[in-house]
C-alpha atoms as a PDB file:
ATOM      1  CA  MET A   1     -17.957  24.076   0.300  1.00  0.00           C
ATOM      2  CA  THR A   2     -15.714  21.510   1.971  1.00  0.00           C
ATOM      3  CA  GLN A   3     -14.910  18.588  -0.308  1.00  0.00           C
ATOM      4  CA  ARG A   4     -15.841  15.148   1.006  1.00  0.00           C
ATOM      5  CA  PRO A   5     -14.358  11.747   0.159  1.00  0.00           C
ATOM      6  CA  SER A   6     -16.399   9.864  -2.390  1.00  0.00           C
ATOM      7  CA  SER A   7     -16.551   6.832  -4.646  1.00  0.00           C
ATOM      8  CA  ARG A   8     -16.477   7.789  -8.319  1.00  0.00           C
ATOM      9  CA  PRO A   9     -18.429   6.237 -11.223  1.00  0.00           C
ATOM     10  CA  ASP A  10     -15.186   4.967 -12.781  1.00  0.00           C
ATOM     11  CA  GLY A  11     -14.482   2.827  -9.698  1.00  0.00           C
ATOM     12  CA  THR A  12     -11.805   5.088  -8.245  1.00  0.00           C
ATOM     13  CA  ILE A  13     -11.981   6.999  -4.968  1.00  0.00           C
ATOM     14  CA  THR A  14     -11.573  10.674  -4.235  1.00  0.00           C
ATOM     15  CA  ALA A  15      -9.722  10.827  -0.924  1.00  0.00           C
ATOM     16  CA  ILE A  16      -9.120  13.993   1.080  1.00  0.00           C
ATOM     17  CA  VAL A  17      -5.866  14.843   2.832  1.00  0.00           C
ATOM     18  CA  ALA A  18      -6.836  14.973   6.516  1.00  0.00           C
ATOM     19  CA  ASP A  19      -3.558  16.253   7.941  1.00  0.00           C
ATOM     20  CA  THR A  20      -0.195  17.576   6.812  1.00  0.00           C
ATOM     21  CA  PRO A  21       1.963  14.609   5.718  1.00  0.00           C
ATOM     22  CA  THR A  22       4.770  13.611   8.067  1.00  0.00           C
ATOM     23  CA  THR A  23       8.396  13.480   6.983  1.00  0.00           C
ATOM     24  CA  GLY A  24      11.381  11.324   7.861  1.00  0.00           C
ATOM     25  CA  ASN A  25      12.399   7.719   7.260  1.00  0.00           C
ATOM     26  CA  THR A  26       8.817   6.451   7.532  1.00  0.00           C
ATOM     27  CA  ALA A  27       6.923   9.428   6.127  1.00  0.00           C
ATOM     28  CA  SER A  28       3.170   8.981   5.991  1.00  0.00           C
ATOM     29  CA  ILE A  29       0.007  10.711   4.859  1.00  0.00           C
ATOM     30  CA  VAL A  30      -3.462  10.568   6.444  1.00  0.00           C
ATOM     31  CA  LEU A  31      -6.323  10.438   3.941  1.00  0.00           C
ATOM     32  CA  GLU A  32     -10.043  10.504   4.622  1.00  0.00           C
ATOM     33  CA  LEU A  33     -11.811   7.776   2.637  1.00  0.00           C
ATOM     34  CA  PRO A  34     -15.482   6.862   2.365  1.00  0.00           C
ATOM     35  CA  PRO A  35     -16.607   4.520   5.167  1.00  0.00           C
ATOM     36  CA  GLY A  36     -16.824   0.761   4.861  1.00  0.00           C
ATOM     37  CA  LEU A  37     -13.725   0.074   2.766  1.00  0.00           C
ATOM     38  CA  ALA A  38     -11.695  -1.717   5.431  1.00  0.00           C
ATOM     39  CA  GLY A  39     -13.445  -5.064   5.000  1.00  0.00           C
ATOM     40  CA  ASP A  40     -11.615  -7.723   6.998  1.00  0.00           C
ATOM     41  CA  GLY A  41      -8.698  -5.447   7.873  1.00  0.00           C
ATOM     42  CA  VAL A  42      -6.186  -2.905   6.628  1.00  0.00           C
ATOM     43  CA  ALA A  43      -2.756  -4.145   7.765  1.00  0.00           C
ATOM     44  CA  GLY A  44      -0.643  -5.040   4.744  1.00  0.00           C
ATOM     45  CA  ARG A  45      -3.119  -3.779   2.139  1.00  0.00           C
ATOM     46  CA  TYR A  46      -2.468  -0.891  -0.246  1.00  0.00           C
ATOM     47  CA  VAL A  47      -3.981   1.673  -2.594  1.00  0.00           C
ATOM     48  CA  LEU A  48      -2.682   3.071  -5.879  1.00  0.00           C
ATOM     49  CA  ALA A  49      -2.491   6.865  -5.817  1.00  0.00           C
ATOM     50  CA  ARG A  50      -2.496   9.093  -8.879  1.00  0.00           C
ATOM     51  CA  CYS A  51       0.142  11.768  -8.349  1.00  0.00           C
ATOM     52  CA  GLY A  52       0.572  15.181  -9.910  1.00  0.00           C
ATOM     53  CA  ALA A  53      -2.514  15.353 -12.117  1.00  0.00           C
ATOM     54  CA  GLN A  54      -5.966  15.364 -10.531  1.00  0.00           C
ATOM     55  CA  THR A  55      -8.213  17.253 -12.975  1.00  0.00           C
ATOM     56  CA  MET A  56      -8.905  16.245 -16.583  1.00  0.00           C
ATOM     57  CA  ASP A  57      -6.980  19.269 -17.858  1.00  0.00           C
ATOM     58  CA  GLU A  58      -3.955  18.383 -15.729  1.00  0.00           C
ATOM     59  CA  ARG A  59      -4.087  14.772 -16.846  1.00  0.00           C
ATOM     60  CA  ALA A  60      -4.039  15.850 -20.488  1.00  0.00           C
ATOM     61  CA  GLU A  61      -0.994  18.086 -20.028  1.00  0.00           C
ATOM     62  CA  ASN A  62       1.007  16.791 -17.064  1.00  0.00           C
ATOM     63  CA  TRP A  63       2.833  13.541 -17.831  1.00  0.00           C
ATOM     64  CA  GLN A  64       5.785  13.957 -15.484  1.00  0.00           C
ATOM     65  CA  ILE A  65       4.330  11.446 -12.982  1.00  0.00           C
ATOM     66  CA  TYR A  66       2.590   8.799 -15.048  1.00  0.00           C
ATOM     67  CA  LEU A  67       2.407   5.607 -12.990  1.00  0.00           C
ATOM     68  CA  ARG A  68       0.304   5.423  -9.840  1.00  0.00           C
ATOM     69  CA  ARG A  69       2.218   4.973  -6.597  1.00  0.00           C
ATOM     70  CA  PRO A  70       1.434   2.152  -4.141  1.00  0.00           C
ATOM     71  CA  LEU A  71       0.699   3.398  -0.624  1.00  0.00           C
ATOM     72  CA  TYR A  72       0.732   0.767   2.128  1.00  0.00           C
ATOM     73  CA  ALA A  73      -1.870   1.154   4.877  1.00  0.00           C
ATOM     74  CA  CYS A  74      -0.453   1.542   8.378  1.00  0.00           C
ATOM     75  CA  GLY A  75      -3.412   2.856  10.385  1.00  0.00           C
ATOM     76  CA  LEU A  76      -7.171   3.403  10.464  1.00  0.00           C
ATOM     77  CA  ARG A  77      -9.420   5.454  12.725  1.00  0.00           C
ATOM     78  CA  ARG A  78     -12.781   7.181  12.665  1.00  0.00           C
ATOM     79  CA  SER A  79     -12.910  10.686  11.177  1.00  0.00           C
ATOM     80  CA  PRO A  80     -12.977  12.993  14.241  1.00  0.00           C
ATOM     81  CA  GLY A  81     -16.321  14.685  14.820  1.00  0.00           C
ATOM     82  CA  LYS A  82     -18.055  12.918  11.938  1.00  0.00           C
ATOM     83  CA  ASP A  83     -20.579  10.108  11.819  1.00  0.00           C
ATOM     84  CA  ASP A  84     -19.134   8.754   8.589  1.00  0.00           C
ATOM     85  CA  GLY A  85     -15.763   8.741   6.903  1.00  0.00           C
ATOM     86  CA  GLU A  86     -12.554   7.050   7.977  1.00  0.00           C
ATOM     87  CA  TRP A  87      -8.999   8.320   8.330  1.00  0.00           C
ATOM     88  CA  TRP A  88      -6.488   5.939   6.778  1.00  0.00           C
ATOM     89  CA  GLU A  89      -2.769   6.403   7.304  1.00  0.00           C
ATOM     90  CA  PHE A  90      -0.501   5.341   4.441  1.00  0.00           C
ATOM     91  CA  LEU A  91       3.260   5.102   4.125  1.00  0.00           C
ATOM     92  CA  LEU A  92       4.642   7.427   1.471  1.00  0.00           C
ATOM     93  CA  PRO A  93       7.096   6.193  -1.182  1.00  0.00           C
ATOM     94  CA  PRO A  94      10.801   6.755  -0.424  1.00  0.00           C
ATOM     95  CA  GLY A  95      11.986  10.355  -0.382  1.00  0.00           C
ATOM     96  CA  ASP A  96      13.747  10.155  -3.761  1.00  0.00           C
ATOM     97  CA  ASP A  97      10.496   9.242  -5.551  1.00  0.00           C
ATOM     98  CA  VAL A  98       8.928  12.144  -7.466  1.00  0.00           C
ATOM     99  CA  GLY A  99       5.419  10.872  -6.763  1.00  0.00           C
ATOM    100  CA  GLY A 100       6.163  10.612  -3.068  1.00  0.00           C
ATOM    101  CA  ARG A 101       7.470  14.175  -3.026  1.00  0.00           C
ATOM    102  CA  TRP A 102       4.283  15.391  -4.697  1.00  0.00           C
ATOM    103  CA  LEU A 103       2.104  13.628  -2.123  1.00  0.00           C
ATOM    104  CA  ALA A 104       4.220  14.997   0.725  1.00  0.00           C
ATOM    105  CA  SER A 105       3.677  18.535  -0.574  1.00  0.00           C
ATOM    106  CA  LEU A 106      -0.125  18.373  -0.264  1.00  0.00           C
ATOM    107  CA  SER A 107      -1.977  20.421   2.326  1.00  0.00           C
ATOM    108  CA  ALA A 108      -4.979  19.370   4.389  1.00  0.00           C
ATOM    109  CA  GLY A 109      -8.132  19.478   2.258  1.00  0.00           C
ATOM    110  CA  ALA A 110      -6.430  18.557  -1.022  1.00  0.00           C
ATOM    111  CA  SER A 111      -7.835  15.626  -2.985  1.00  0.00           C
ATOM    112  CA  VAL A 112      -6.050  12.476  -4.151  1.00  0.00           C
ATOM    113  CA  ASN A 113      -7.461   9.944  -6.616  1.00  0.00           C
ATOM    114  CA  LEU A 114      -7.062   6.333  -5.438  1.00  0.00           C
ATOM    115  CA  ILE A 115      -7.685   2.812  -6.661  1.00  0.00           C
ATOM    116  CA  GLY A 116      -8.334   0.336  -3.885  1.00  0.00           C
ATOM    117  CA  PRO A 117      -7.936  -0.791  -1.202  1.00  0.00           C
ATOM    118  CA  LEU A 118      -6.215  -3.689  -2.945  1.00  0.00           C
ATOM    119  CA  GLY A 119      -4.433  -6.916  -2.124  1.00  0.00           C
ATOM    120  CA  GLY A 120      -4.516  -9.375   0.712  1.00  0.00           C
ATOM    121  CA  GLY A 121      -3.190  -8.246   4.072  1.00  0.00           C
ATOM    122  CA  TYR A 122      -2.242  -9.868   7.351  1.00  0.00           C
ATOM    123  CA  ARG A 123      -4.867 -12.064   8.999  1.00  0.00           C
ATOM    124  CA  LEU A 124      -5.002 -13.043  12.655  1.00  0.00           C
ATOM    125  CA  ASP A 125      -6.416 -16.466  13.473  1.00  0.00           C
ATOM    126  CA  SER A 126      -9.308 -16.502  15.934  1.00  0.00           C
ATOM    127  CA  PRO A 127      -7.518 -18.660  18.563  1.00  0.00           C
ATOM    128  CA  SER A 128      -4.313 -16.561  18.500  1.00  0.00           C
ATOM    129  CA  ARG A 129      -3.506 -14.682  21.703  1.00  0.00           C
ATOM    130  CA  ASN A 130       0.288 -14.251  21.600  1.00  0.00           C
ATOM    131  CA  LEU A 131       1.332 -12.195  18.572  1.00  0.00           C
ATOM    132  CA  LEU A 132       4.975 -11.713  17.606  1.00  0.00           C
ATOM    133  CA  LEU A 133       5.656  -8.828  15.216  1.00  0.00           C
ATOM    134  CA  LEU A 134       8.971  -8.494  13.357  1.00  0.00           C
ATOM    135  CA  GLY A 135       9.907  -5.118  11.899  1.00  0.00           C
ATOM    136  CA  ASN A 136      13.067  -4.467   9.908  1.00  0.00           C
ATOM    137  CA  GLY A 137      13.065  -1.908   7.100  1.00  0.00           C
ATOM    138  CA  ARG A 138      10.844   0.926   5.962  1.00  0.00           C
ATOM    139  CA  LEU A 139       7.570  -1.057   5.994  1.00  0.00           C
ATOM    140  CA  HIS A 140       7.532  -1.941   9.701  1.00  0.00           C
ATOM    141  CA  LYS A 141       4.675   0.503  10.384  1.00  0.00           C
ATOM    142  CA  THR A 142       2.343  -1.660   8.286  1.00  0.00           C
ATOM    143  CA  LEU A 143       2.188  -3.903  11.360  1.00  0.00           C
ATOM    144  CA  THR A 144       0.534  -1.178  13.471  1.00  0.00           C
ATOM    145  CA  PRO A 145      -3.145  -2.104  12.892  1.00  0.00           C
ATOM    146  CA  LEU A 146      -2.463  -5.644  14.093  1.00  0.00           C
ATOM    147  CA  ILE A 147      -1.563  -4.362  17.546  1.00  0.00           C
ATOM    148  CA  ASP A 148      -5.001  -2.996  18.417  1.00  0.00           C
ATOM    149  CA  GLU A 149      -6.682  -5.974  16.779  1.00  0.00           C
ATOM    150  CA  MET A 150      -4.836  -8.395  19.065  1.00  0.00           C
ATOM    151  CA  LEU A 151      -5.134  -6.261  22.210  1.00  0.00           C
ATOM    152  CA  ASP A 152      -8.872  -5.799  21.628  1.00  0.00           C
ATOM    153  CA  ARG A 153      -9.358  -9.571  21.827  1.00  0.00           C
ATOM    154  CA  GLY A 154      -7.410  -9.741  25.104  1.00  0.00           C
ATOM    155  CA  GLY A 155      -4.184 -10.968  23.550  1.00  0.00           C
ATOM    156  CA  ARG A 156      -0.554  -9.990  24.031  1.00  0.00           C
ATOM    157  CA  VAL A 157       1.837  -8.396  21.546  1.00  0.00           C
ATOM    158  CA  THR A 158       5.630  -8.440  21.386  1.00  0.00           C
ATOM    159  CA  LEU A 159       7.332  -6.265  18.770  1.00  0.00           C
ATOM    160  CA  LEU A 160      10.887  -7.101  17.735  1.00  0.00           C
ATOM    161  CA  LEU A 161      12.224  -4.048  15.947  1.00  0.00           C
ATOM    162  CA  ALA A 162      15.596  -3.607  14.253  1.00  0.00           C
ATOM    163  CA  GLY A 163      17.276  -0.241  13.910  1.00  0.00           C
ATOM    164  CA  ASP A 164      18.253   2.962  15.635  1.00  0.00           C
ATOM    165  CA  ALA A 165      16.365   3.848  18.826  1.00  0.00           C
ATOM    166  CA  VAL A 166      16.237   7.567  18.031  1.00  0.00           C
ATOM    167  CA  ARG A 167      14.773   6.955  14.571  1.00  0.00           C
ATOM    168  CA  HIS A 168      12.063   4.633  15.900  1.00  0.00           C
ATOM    169  CA  GLN A 169      11.183   6.606  19.036  1.00  0.00           C
ATOM    170  CA  PRO A 170       8.340   8.722  17.533  1.00  0.00           C
ATOM    171  CA  TRP A 171       6.510   5.569  16.428  1.00  0.00           C
ATOM    172  CA  ILE A 172       7.240   3.618  19.608  1.00  0.00           C
ATOM    173  CA  ALA A 173       5.905   6.507  21.706  1.00  0.00           C
ATOM    174  CA  GLN A 174       2.516   6.165  19.981  1.00  0.00           C
ATOM    175  CA  LEU A 175       2.136   2.431  20.632  1.00  0.00           C
ATOM    176  CA  PRO A 176      -0.239   1.186  23.352  1.00  0.00           C
ATOM    177  CA  LEU A 177       1.444   0.624  26.721  1.00  0.00           C
ATOM    178  CA  PRO A 178       0.742  -3.149  26.831  1.00  0.00           C
ATOM    179  CA  VAL A 179       2.980  -3.730  23.784  1.00  0.00           C
ATOM    180  CA  GLU A 180       6.355  -5.221  24.665  1.00  0.00           C
ATOM    181  CA  VAL A 181       8.952  -3.577  22.415  1.00  0.00           C
ATOM    182  CA  ARG A 182      12.331  -5.231  21.960  1.00  0.00           C
ATOM    183  CA  LEU A 183      14.607  -2.877  20.045  1.00  0.00           C
ATOM    184  CA  VAL A 184      17.817  -4.386  18.681  1.00  0.00           C
ATOM    185  CA  ALA A 185      20.769  -2.880  16.859  1.00  0.00           C
ATOM    186  CA  THR A 186      22.800  -5.910  15.727  1.00  0.00           C
ATOM    187  CA  THR A 187      22.143  -9.160  13.906  1.00  0.00           C
ATOM    188  CA  ALA A 188      23.315 -11.129  16.940  1.00  0.00           C
ATOM    189  CA  ASP A 189      20.822  -9.323  19.181  1.00  0.00           C
ATOM    190  CA  TRP A 190      18.051  -9.919  16.647  1.00  0.00           C
ATOM    191  CA  ASP A 191      18.780 -13.647  16.513  1.00  0.00           C
ATOM    192  CA  ARG A 192      18.874 -13.918  20.302  1.00  0.00           C
ATOM    193  CA  GLU A 193      15.568 -12.088  20.814  1.00  0.00           C
ATOM    194  CA  LEU A 194      13.915 -14.010  17.983  1.00  0.00           C
ATOM    195  CA  ASN A 195      14.950 -17.360  19.429  1.00  0.00           C
ATOM    196  CA  GLU A 196      13.640 -16.291  22.838  1.00  0.00           C
ATOM    197  CA  THR A 197      10.207 -15.180  21.603  1.00  0.00           C
ATOM    198  CA  LEU A 198       9.427 -17.797  18.942  1.00  0.00           C
ATOM    199  CA  PRO A 199       8.309 -20.549  21.368  1.00  0.00           C
ATOM    200  CA  TRP A 200       5.932 -18.075  23.063  1.00  0.00           C
ATOM    201  CA  ALA A 201       4.163 -16.918  19.899  1.00  0.00           C
ATOM    202  CA  ASP A 202       0.865 -18.275  18.574  1.00  0.00           C
ATOM    203  CA  GLN A 203       1.319 -16.325  15.363  1.00  0.00           C
ATOM    204  CA  LEU A 204       4.035 -14.240  13.700  1.00  0.00           C
ATOM    205  CA  CYS A 205       3.641 -11.307  11.311  1.00  0.00           C
ATOM    206  CA  ALA A 206       6.738  -9.841   9.688  1.00  0.00           C
ATOM    207  CA  ALA A 207       7.708  -6.813   7.651  1.00  0.00           C
ATOM    208  CA  ILE A 208      11.327  -7.628   6.879  1.00  0.00           C
ATOM    209  CA  PRO A 209      13.521  -7.702   3.750  1.00  0.00           C
ATOM    210  CA  GLU A 210      12.830 -10.602   1.411  1.00  0.00           C
ATOM    211  CA  THR A 211      16.488 -11.597   1.711  1.00  0.00           C
ATOM    212  CA  GLU A 212      15.885 -12.432   5.399  1.00  0.00           C
ATOM    213  CA  LEU A 213      13.007 -14.856   4.868  1.00  0.00           C
ATOM    214  CA  SER A 214      15.119 -18.002   4.592  1.00  0.00           C
ATOM    215  CA  ARG A 215      16.877 -17.167   7.873  1.00  0.00           C
ATOM    216  CA  LEU A 216      13.515 -16.582   9.520  1.00  0.00           C
ATOM    217  CA  ALA A 217      12.199 -19.938   8.318  1.00  0.00           C
ATOM    218  CA  GLU A 218      15.330 -21.667   9.605  1.00  0.00           C
ATOM    219  CA  ALA A 219      14.966 -20.005  13.013  1.00  0.00           C
ATOM    220  CA  ILE A 220      11.325 -21.103  13.247  1.00  0.00           C
ATOM    221  CA  ARG A 221      12.237 -24.710  12.466  1.00  0.00           C
ATOM    222  CA  ASN A 222      15.065 -24.674  15.006  1.00  0.00           C
ATOM    223  CA  LYS A 223      12.841 -23.423  17.841  1.00  0.00           C
ATOM    224  CA  ARG A 224       9.466 -24.926  16.880  1.00  0.00           C
ATOM    225  CA  PHE A 225      10.656 -28.033  14.950  1.00  0.00           C
ATOM    226  CA  ARG A 226       8.387 -27.293  11.976  1.00  0.00           C
ATOM    227  CA  LEU A 227       7.314 -24.314   9.882  1.00  0.00           C
ATOM    228  CA  GLU A 228       3.565 -24.838   9.866  1.00  0.00           C
ATOM    229  CA  PRO A 229       1.225 -23.106   7.390  1.00  0.00           C
ATOM    230  CA  GLY A 230      -0.629 -20.301   9.116  1.00  0.00           C
ATOM    231  CA  PHE A 231       2.024 -19.571  11.739  1.00  0.00           C
ATOM    232  CA  ALA A 232       4.100 -16.916   9.939  1.00  0.00           C
ATOM    233  CA  GLN A 233       3.083 -14.240   7.431  1.00  0.00           C
ATOM    234  CA  THR A 234       5.284 -11.663   5.769  1.00  0.00           C
ATOM    235  CA  LEU A 235       4.812  -8.636   3.556  1.00  0.00           C
ATOM    236  CA  VAL A 236       6.776  -8.731   0.290  1.00  0.00           C
ATOM    237  CA  GLU A 237       7.684  -5.339  -1.156  1.00  0.00           C
ATOM    238  CA  ALA A 238       7.149  -5.719  -4.904  1.00  0.00           C
ATOM    239  CA  ASP A 239       6.560  -3.380  -7.843  1.00  0.00           C
ATOM    240  CA  LEU A 240       2.813  -2.848  -7.463  1.00  0.00           C
ATOM    241  CA  LEU A 241       1.887  -1.062 -10.680  1.00  0.00           C
ATOM    242  CA  CYS A 242      -1.454  -2.170 -12.107  1.00  0.00           C
ATOM    243  CA  GLY A 243      -3.193  -3.721  -9.101  1.00  0.00           C
ATOM    244  CA  VAL A 244      -4.896  -6.448 -11.152  1.00  0.00           C
ATOM    245  CA  GLY A 245      -2.044  -8.820 -12.024  1.00  0.00           C
ATOM    246  CA  ALA A 246      -1.928  -7.896 -15.704  1.00  0.00           C
ATOM    247  CA  CYS A 247       1.537  -6.357 -16.020  1.00  0.00           C
ATOM    248  CA  LEU A 248       3.413  -9.074 -14.045  1.00  0.00           C
ATOM    249  CA  ALA A 249       5.827  -6.499 -12.625  1.00  0.00           C
ATOM    250  CA  CYS A 250       5.065  -7.796  -9.129  1.00  0.00           C
ATOM    251  CA  ALA A 251       5.886 -11.461  -9.803  1.00  0.00           C
ATOM    252  CA  VAL A 252       7.155 -13.278  -6.700  1.00  0.00           C
ATOM    253  CA  ALA A 253       8.824 -16.692  -6.774  1.00  0.00           C
ATOM    254  CA  ARG A 254       6.937 -19.489  -4.986  1.00  0.00           C
ATOM    255  CA  ALA A 255       8.647 -22.153  -2.911  1.00  0.00           C
ATOM    256  CA  SER A 256       6.801 -24.854  -4.870  1.00  0.00           C
ATOM    257  CA  GLY A 257       7.990 -23.452  -8.194  1.00  0.00           C
ATOM    258  CA  GLY A 258       6.663 -20.852 -10.583  1.00  0.00           C
ATOM    259  CA  TYR A 259       5.526 -17.377  -9.671  1.00  0.00           C
ATOM    260  CA  THR A 260       2.600 -15.603  -8.099  1.00  0.00           C
ATOM    261  CA  ARG A 261       1.493 -11.969  -8.308  1.00  0.00           C
ATOM    262  CA  ALA A 262       1.929  -9.828  -5.219  1.00  0.00           C
ATOM    263  CA  CYS A 263      -0.634  -7.223  -6.255  1.00  0.00           C
ATOM    264  CA  VAL A 264      -3.566  -9.655  -6.153  1.00  0.00           C
ATOM    265  CA  HIS A 265      -2.381 -12.681  -4.125  1.00  0.00           C
ATOM    266  CA  GLY A 266      -0.299 -10.595  -1.714  1.00  0.00           C
ATOM    267  CA  PRO A 267       1.487  -8.458  -0.830  1.00  0.00           C
ATOM    268  CA  VAL A 268       1.229 -10.485   2.403  1.00  0.00           C
ATOM    269  CA  PHE A 269       2.019 -14.184   2.029  1.00  0.00           C
ATOM    270  CA  ASP A 270       2.211 -17.189   4.278  1.00  0.00           C
ATOM    271  CA  LEU A 271       5.914 -17.858   4.781  1.00  0.00           C
ATOM    272  CA  THR A 272       5.505 -21.479   3.640  1.00  0.00           C
ATOM    273  CA  HIS A 273       4.517 -20.192   0.185  1.00  0.00           C
ATOM    274  CA  LEU A 274       7.836 -18.380  -0.222  1.00  0.00           C
ATOM    275  CA  VAL A 275      10.522 -20.602   1.322  1.00  0.00           C
ATOM    276  CA  ARG A 276      11.015 -24.347   1.658  1.00  0.00           C
END
């Protein structure tokens, strides 16, 4: 009998591998989850996956992969040929992570125990029609669900993407034709394209290194005079371990002082919360 995704009595989810995981710099895995979990959206949200020990016997004996791994959502579609069920695409951990290697080894039909979906993701304002996406680093694919969301409301999307054209081509080839992609290879090119597109944008969503956030805020002020709350959001890659804010491993410094927890209040934040 074919196993189906389900919600378990302990609050976790049994997800089913829907397709062979992809490999490469932005390796991903497609999991079938029970329907109705997306809520207000998936972009920027995550699940915690238990790796390497799925049955009670395995969990009692196999301690080589203890901590759950955070998997960032980067896509959602209906399960083909089924009235219920949803296929979620998640980014796998980097290739040197033992948990990521275990997930990448799974075949279609295998089960994975998940907690989630967790966290707060990107949110598009109702009036927004011109969306600027900034991708630099391994998490740029988390922006993907925002593209269809904006196009479906009749809006326009420009994607500014840093990196090698050959490496990004498989992802770019899957994007809807109306998306304007600006691929840059140097910091100077990035700054030029950013300055050109900032006045056009109603809203900006970024997946860039945390070290670049101050430069982004400065660029916004230079071209738009002010960094207004609600204009720019960014995903912060933190150590998402417990998912409930108890362990404090995901603490992120706030611009106003003190810290917040990325696992419950993020991992997507308004840029004004992170930089002055």
